[in-house]
Amino acid sequence: MMINHKRVERIYKEEGLTIRARKRKKFKANSRVALPKPTKKNQQWAMDFIHDKLQTFVRKGDLYPIKWTP
């Protein structure tokens, strides 16, 4: 049986009722592995994602490598 969620939301809103929040599916966490410590300079780098919306409303995103110095 198919239920139109938009119709249900509209009817609930008209009647002043609240809709039950959906439960999120829990994912099993992966086991974490400790990373080796860097021994020399320039041995560890990171990535940074930068995004912006231009005046023409076009979304632009870039991925930049950055030097990580602990």
PDB file of N, CA and C in Angstrom:
ATOM      1  N   MET A   1       0.844  -1.182   0.000  1.00  0.00           N
ATOM      2  CA  MET A   1       0.000   0.000   0.000  1.00  0.00           C
ATOM      3  C   MET A   1       0.886   1.241   0.000  1.00  0.00           C
ATOM      4  N   MET A   2       0.651   2.126  -0.942  1.00  0.00           N
ATOM      5  CA  MET A   2       1.433   3.353  -1.049  1.00  0.00           C
ATOM      6  C   MET A   2       0.743   4.482  -0.296  1.00  0.00           C
ATOM      7  N   ILE A   3       1.525   5.224   0.488  1.00  0.00           N
ATOM      8  CA  ILE A   3       0.993   6.363   1.232  1.00  0.00           C
ATOM      9  C   ILE A   3       1.746   7.601   0.771  1.00  0.00           C
ATOM     10  N   ASN A   4       1.012   8.607   0.342  1.00  0.00           N
ATOM     11  CA  ASN A   4       1.610   9.849  -0.106  1.00  0.00           C
ATOM     12  C   ASN A   4       1.995  10.675   1.127  1.00  0.00           C
ATOM     13  N   HIS A   5       3.296  10.808   1.391  1.00  0.00           N
ATOM     14  CA  HIS A   5       3.744  11.498   2.604  1.00  0.00           C
ATOM     15  C   HIS A   5       3.399  12.985   2.580  1.00  0.00           C
ATOM     16  N   LYS A   6       3.327  13.602   1.401  1.00  0.00           N
ATOM     17  CA  LYS A   6       2.964  15.010   1.327  1.00  0.00           C
ATOM     18  C   LYS A   6       1.510  15.218   1.751  1.00  0.00           C
ATOM     19  N   ARG A   7       0.636  14.311   1.337  1.00  0.00           N
ATOM     20  CA  ARG A   7      -0.770  14.406   1.714  1.00  0.00           C
ATOM     21  C   ARG A   7      -0.930  14.206   3.220  1.00  0.00           C
ATOM     22  N   VAL A   8      -0.220  13.235   3.758  1.00  0.00           N
ATOM     23  CA  VAL A   8      -0.288  12.967   5.203  1.00  0.00           C
ATOM     24  C   VAL A   8       0.186  14.190   5.979  1.00  0.00           C
ATOM     25  N   GLU A   9       1.298  14.789   5.552  1.00  0.00           N
ATOM     26  CA  GLU A   9       1.808  15.971   6.235  1.00  0.00           C
ATOM     27  C   GLU A   9       0.805  17.119   6.173  1.00  0.00           C
ATOM     28  N   ARG A  10       0.156  17.313   5.026  1.00  0.00           N
ATOM     29  CA  ARG A  10      -0.832  18.385   4.881  1.00  0.00           C
ATOM     30  C   ARG A  10      -2.024  18.161   5.800  1.00  0.00           C
ATOM     31  N   ILE A  11      -2.527  16.934   5.844  1.00  0.00           N
ATOM     32  CA  ILE A  11      -3.684  16.630   6.695  1.00  0.00           C
ATOM     33  C   ILE A  11      -3.313  16.797   8.173  1.00  0.00           C
ATOM     34  N   TYR A  12      -2.160  16.302   8.573  1.00  0.00           N
ATOM     35  CA  TYR A  12      -1.724  16.453   9.968  1.00  0.00           C
ATOM     36  C   TYR A  12      -1.606  17.932  10.330  1.00  0.00           C
ATOM     37  N   LYS A  13      -1.056  18.749   9.399  1.00  0.00           N
ATOM     38  CA  LYS A  13      -0.891  20.174   9.664  1.00  0.00           C
ATOM     39  C   LYS A  13      -2.252  20.858   9.817  1.00  0.00           C
ATOM     40  N   GLU A  14      -3.226  20.492   8.956  1.00  0.00           N
ATOM     41  CA  GLU A  14      -4.568  21.076   9.041  1.00  0.00           C
ATOM     42  C   GLU A  14      -5.244  20.731  10.359  1.00  0.00           C
ATOM     43  N   GLU A  15      -5.005  19.530  10.858  1.00  0.00           N
ATOM     44  CA  GLU A  15      -5.633  19.080  12.103  1.00  0.00           C
ATOM     45  C   GLU A  15      -4.849  19.512  13.341  1.00  0.00           C
ATOM     46  N   GLY A  16      -3.677  20.125  13.140  1.00  0.00           N
ATOM     47  CA  GLY A  16      -2.871  20.585  14.266  1.00  0.00           C
ATOM     48  C   GLY A  16      -2.140  19.454  14.978  1.00  0.00           C
ATOM     49  N   LEU A  17      -1.898  18.361  14.283  1.00  0.00           N
ATOM     50  CA  LEU A  17      -1.210  17.218  14.874  1.00  0.00           C
ATOM     51  C   LEU A  17       0.281  17.277  14.550  1.00  0.00           C
ATOM     52  N   THR A  18       1.058  16.529  15.305  1.00  0.00           N
ATOM     53  CA  THR A  18       2.489  16.457  15.019  1.00  0.00           C
ATOM     54  C   THR A  18       2.805  15.102  14.404  1.00  0.00           C
ATOM     55  N   ILE A  19       3.733  15.107  13.479  1.00  0.00           N
ATOM     56  CA  ILE A  19       4.136  13.877  12.810  1.00  0.00           C
ATOM     57  C   ILE A  19       5.284  13.262  13.589  1.00  0.00           C
ATOM     58  N   ARG A  20       5.230  11.955  13.783  1.00  0.00           N
ATOM     59  CA  ARG A  20       6.308  11.269  14.469  1.00  0.00           C
ATOM     60  C   ARG A  20       7.588  11.370  13.648  1.00  0.00           C
ATOM     61  N   ALA A  21       8.677  11.636  14.330  1.00  0.00           N
ATOM     62  CA  ALA A  21       9.970  11.702  13.651  1.00  0.00           C
ATOM     63  C   ALA A  21      10.420  10.291  13.296  1.00  0.00           C
ATOM     64  N   ARG A  22      10.970  10.141  12.115  1.00  0.00           N
ATOM     65  CA  ARG A  22      11.456   8.838  11.695  1.00  0.00           C
ATOM     66  C   ARG A  22      12.741   8.498  12.444  1.00  0.00           C
ATOM     67  N   LYS A  23      12.883   7.245  12.804  1.00  0.00           N
ATOM     68  CA  LYS A  23      14.109   6.805  13.456  1.00  0.00           C
ATOM     69  C   LYS A  23      15.182   6.630  12.398  1.00  0.00           C
ATOM     70  N   ARG A  24      16.377   7.106  12.705  1.00  0.00           N
ATOM     71  CA  ARG A  24      17.482   6.955  11.771  1.00  0.00           C
ATOM     72  C   ARG A  24      18.102   5.579  11.929  1.00  0.00           C
ATOM     73  N   LYS A  25      18.536   5.048  10.820  1.00  0.00           N
ATOM     74  CA  LYS A  25      19.183   3.749  10.837  1.00  0.00           C
ATOM     75  C   LYS A  25      20.596   3.914  11.386  1.00  0.00           C
ATOM     76  N   LYS A  26      20.942   3.103  12.375  1.00  0.00           N
ATOM     77  CA  LYS A  26      22.272   3.186  12.971  1.00  0.00           C
ATOM     78  C   LYS A  26      23.224   2.289  12.203  1.00  0.00           C
ATOM     79  N   PHE A  27      24.386   2.823  11.900  1.00  0.00           N
ATOM     80  CA  PHE A  27      25.403   2.074  11.196  1.00  0.00           C
ATOM     81  C   PHE A  27      26.462   1.619  12.185  1.00  0.00           C
ATOM     82  N   LYS A  28      26.967   0.429  11.955  1.00  0.00           N
ATOM     83  CA  LYS A  28      27.997  -0.109  12.814  1.00  0.00           C
ATOM     84  C   LYS A  28      29.297   0.653  12.565  1.00  0.00           C
ATOM     85  N   ALA A  29      29.957   1.082  13.641  1.00  0.00           N
ATOM     86  CA  ALA A  29      31.197   1.832  13.520  1.00  0.00           C
ATOM     87  C   ALA A  29      32.335   0.902  13.111  1.00  0.00           C
ATOM     88  N   ASN A  30      33.175   1.379  12.215  1.00  0.00           N
ATOM     89  CA  ASN A  30      34.343   0.613  11.806  1.00  0.00           C
ATOM     90  C   ASN A  30      35.412   0.702  12.885  1.00  0.00           C
ATOM     91  N   SER A  31      36.234  -0.315  12.980  1.00  0.00           N
ATOM     92  CA  SER A  31      37.323  -0.254  13.938  1.00  0.00           C
ATOM     93  C   SER A  31      38.358   0.738  13.431  1.00  0.00           C
ATOM     94  N   ARG A  32      38.841   1.583  14.319  1.00  0.00           N
ATOM     95  CA  ARG A  32      39.774   2.634  13.929  1.00  0.00           C
ATOM     96  C   ARG A  32      41.210   2.151  14.096  1.00  0.00           C
ATOM     97  N   VAL A  33      42.025   2.543  13.155  1.00  0.00           N
ATOM     98  CA  VAL A  33      43.435   2.167  13.176  1.00  0.00           C
ATOM     99  C   VAL A  33      44.246   3.437  13.413  1.00  0.00           C
ATOM    100  N   ALA A  34      45.177   3.385  14.367  1.00  0.00           N
ATOM    101  CA  ALA A  34      46.006   4.549  14.645  1.00  0.00           C
ATOM    102  C   ALA A  34      46.990   4.769  13.491  1.00  0.00           C
ATOM    103  N   LEU A  35      47.089   6.016  13.037  1.00  0.00           N
ATOM    104  CA  LEU A  35      48.000   6.347  11.955  1.00  0.00           C
ATOM    105  C   LEU A  35      49.416   6.480  12.493  1.00  0.00           C
ATOM    106  N   PRO A  36      50.422   6.116  11.687  1.00  0.00           N
ATOM    107  CA  PRO A  36      51.800   6.275  12.159  1.00  0.00           C
ATOM    108  C   PRO A  36      52.171   7.748  12.258  1.00  0.00           C
ATOM    109  N   LYS A  37      53.000   8.085  13.233  1.00  0.00           N
ATOM    110  CA  LYS A  37      53.441   9.471  13.421  1.00  0.00           C
ATOM    111  C   LYS A  37      54.439   9.838  12.325  1.00  0.00           C
ATOM    112  N   PRO A  38      54.346  11.072  11.786  1.00  0.00           N
ATOM    113  CA  PRO A  38      55.312  11.483  10.764  1.00  0.00           C
ATOM    114  C   PRO A  38      56.694  11.654  11.394  1.00  0.00           C
ATOM    115  N   THR A  39      57.721  11.225  10.680  1.00  0.00           N
ATOM    116  CA  THR A  39      59.084  11.324  11.197  1.00  0.00           C
ATOM    117  C   THR A  39      59.864  12.462  10.551  1.00  0.00           C
ATOM    118  N   LYS A  40      59.411  12.945   9.377  1.00  0.00           N
ATOM    119  CA  LYS A  40      60.095  14.028   8.673  1.00  0.00           C
ATOM    120  C   LYS A  40      59.097  15.123   8.327  1.00  0.00           C
ATOM    121  N   LYS A  41      59.618  16.268   7.908  1.00  0.00           N
ATOM    122  CA  LYS A  41      58.765  17.358   7.446  1.00  0.00           C
ATOM    123  C   LYS A  41      58.137  16.975   6.109  1.00  0.00           C
ATOM    124  N   ASN A  42      57.004  17.553   5.795  1.00  0.00           N
ATOM    125  CA  ASN A  42      56.260  17.328   4.544  1.00  0.00           C
ATOM    126  C   ASN A  42      55.847  15.868   4.352  1.00  0.00           C
ATOM    127  N   GLN A  43      55.734  15.135   5.437  1.00  0.00           N
ATOM    128  CA  GLN A  43      55.340  13.737   5.336  1.00  0.00           C
ATOM    129  C   GLN A  43      53.828  13.570   5.547  1.00  0.00           C
ATOM    130  N   GLN A  44      53.193  14.578   6.117  1.00  0.00           N
ATOM    131  CA  GLN A  44      51.765  14.483   6.394  1.00  0.00           C
ATOM    132  C   GLN A  44      51.044  15.669   5.771  1.00  0.00           C
ATOM    133  N   TRP A  45      49.995  15.369   4.983  1.00  0.00           N
ATOM    134  CA  TRP A  45      49.208  16.384   4.317  1.00  0.00           C
ATOM    135  C   TRP A  45      47.735  16.145   4.614  1.00  0.00           C
ATOM    136  N   ALA A  46      46.919  17.153   4.372  1.00  0.00           N
ATOM    137  CA  ALA A  46      45.476  17.039   4.582  1.00  0.00           C
ATOM    138  C   ALA A  46      44.769  17.621   3.362  1.00  0.00           C
ATOM    139  N   MET A  47      43.489  17.306   3.214  1.00  0.00           N
ATOM    140  CA  MET A  47      42.694  17.841   2.118  1.00  0.00           C
ATOM    141  C   MET A  47      41.607  18.741   2.700  1.00  0.00           C
ATOM    142  N   ASP A  48      41.330  19.858   2.029  1.00  0.00           N
ATOM    143  CA  ASP A  48      40.324  20.805   2.482  1.00  0.00           C
ATOM    144  C   ASP A  48      39.342  21.037   1.333  1.00  0.00           C
ATOM    145  N   PHE A  49      38.053  20.906   1.628  1.00  0.00           N
ATOM    146  CA  PHE A  49      37.022  21.133   0.616  1.00  0.00           C
ATOM    147  C   PHE A  49      36.432  22.519   0.832  1.00  0.00           C
ATOM    148  N   ILE A  50      36.505  23.358  -0.192  1.00  0.00           N
ATOM    149  CA  ILE A  50      35.992  24.722  -0.117  1.00  0.00           C
ATOM    150  C   ILE A  50      34.860  24.850  -1.134  1.00  0.00           C
ATOM    151  N   HIS A  51      33.713  25.380  -0.689  1.00  0.00           N
ATOM    152  CA  HIS A  51      32.598  25.553  -1.623  1.00  0.00           C
ATOM    153  C   HIS A  51      32.028  26.960  -1.476  1.00  0.00           C
ATOM    154  N   ASP A  52      31.416  27.426  -2.549  1.00  0.00           N
ATOM    155  CA  ASP A  52      30.868  28.775  -2.569  1.00  0.00           C
ATOM    156  C   ASP A  52      29.760  28.839  -3.612  1.00  0.00           C
ATOM    157  N   LYS A  53      28.889  29.821  -3.479  1.00  0.00           N
ATOM    158  CA  LYS A  53      27.858  30.057  -4.481  1.00  0.00           C
ATOM    159  C   LYS A  53      28.176  31.394  -5.141  1.00  0.00           C
ATOM    160  N   LEU A  54      28.309  31.402  -6.459  1.00  0.00           N
ATOM    161  CA  LEU A  54      28.671  32.598  -7.192  1.00  0.00           C
ATOM    162  C   LEU A  54      27.456  33.501  -7.377  1.00  0.00           C
ATOM    163  N   GLN A  55      27.694  34.712  -7.917  1.00  0.00           N
ATOM    164  CA  GLN A  55      26.597  35.645  -8.152  1.00  0.00           C
ATOM    165  C   GLN A  55      25.573  35.088  -9.131  1.00  0.00           C
ATOM    166  N   THR A  56      26.002  34.196  -9.993  1.00  0.00           N
ATOM    167  CA  THR A  56      25.089  33.596 -10.962  1.00  0.00           C
ATOM    168  C   THR A  56      24.368  32.388 -10.357  1.00  0.00           C
ATOM    169  N   PHE A  57      24.481  32.217  -9.030  1.00  0.00           N
ATOM    170  CA  PHE A  57      23.833  31.136  -8.270  1.00  0.00           C
ATOM    171  C   PHE A  57      24.328  29.756  -8.681  1.00  0.00           C
ATOM    172  N   VAL A  58      25.547  29.701  -9.215  1.00  0.00           N
ATOM    173  CA  VAL A  58      26.163  28.427  -9.559  1.00  0.00           C
ATOM    174  C   VAL A  58      27.017  28.011  -8.374  1.00  0.00           C
ATOM    175  N   ARG A  59      26.810  26.793  -7.900  1.00  0.00           N
ATOM    176  CA  ARG A  59      27.610  26.306  -6.777  1.00  0.00           C
ATOM    177  C   ARG A  59      28.933  25.770  -7.298  1.00  0.00           C
ATOM    178  N   LYS A  60      29.996  26.122  -6.600  1.00  0.00           N
ATOM    179  CA  LYS A  60      31.335  25.716  -7.020  1.00  0.00           C
ATOM    180  C   LYS A  60      32.034  25.108  -5.816  1.00  0.00           C
ATOM    181  N   GLY A  61      32.671  23.969  -6.020  1.00  0.00           N
ATOM    182  CA  GLY A  61      33.401  23.330  -4.937  1.00  0.00           C
ATOM    183  C   GLY A  61      34.753  22.846  -5.422  1.00  0.00           C
ATOM    184  N   ASP A  62      35.776  23.023  -4.589  1.00  0.00           N
ATOM    185  CA  ASP A  62      37.127  22.611  -4.950  1.00  0.00           C
ATOM    186  C   ASP A  62      37.755  21.869  -3.780  1.00  0.00           C
ATOM    187  N   LEU A  63      38.664  20.959  -4.096  1.00  0.00           N
ATOM    188  CA  LEU A  63      39.380  20.192  -3.097  1.00  0.00           C
ATOM    189  C   LEU A  63      40.846  20.600  -3.161  1.00  0.00           C
ATOM    190  N   TYR A  64      41.381  21.150  -2.051  1.00  0.00           N
ATOM    191  CA  TYR A  64      42.742  21.658  -2.016  1.00  0.00           C
ATOM    192  C   TYR A  64      43.594  20.864  -1.033  1.00  0.00           C
ATOM    193  N   PRO A  65      44.818  20.480  -1.456  1.00  0.00           N
ATOM    194  CA  PRO A  65      45.734  19.866  -0.486  1.00  0.00           C
ATOM    195  C   PRO A  65      46.382  20.970   0.364  1.00  0.00           C
ATOM    196  N   ILE A  66      46.516  20.734   1.644  1.00  0.00           N
ATOM    197  CA  ILE A  66      47.175  21.685   2.537  1.00  0.00           C
ATOM    198  C   ILE A  66      48.210  20.946   3.356  1.00  0.00           C
ATOM    199  N   LYS A  67      49.285  21.630   3.708  1.00  0.00           N
ATOM    200  CA  LYS A  67      50.341  21.013   4.494  1.00  0.00           C
ATOM    201  C   LYS A  67      49.903  20.970   5.950  1.00  0.00           C
ATOM    202  N   TRP A  68      50.045  19.830   6.560  1.00  0.00           N
ATOM    203  CA  TRP A  68      49.618  19.630   7.950  1.00  0.00           C
ATOM    204  C   TRP A  68      50.859  19.649   8.825  1.00  0.00           C
ATOM    205  N   THR A  69      50.934  20.617   9.736  1.00  0.00           N
ATOM    206  CA  THR A  69      52.078  20.693  10.642  1.00  0.00           C
ATOM    207  C   THR A  69      51.581  20.566  12.076  1.00  0.00           C
ATOM    208  N   PRO A  70      51.760  19.411  12.688  1.00  0.00           N
ATOM    209  CA  PRO A  70      51.295  19.240  14.073  1.00  0.00           C
ATOM    210  C   PRO A  70      52.152  19.964  15.077  1.00  0.00           C
TER     211      PRO A  70
END
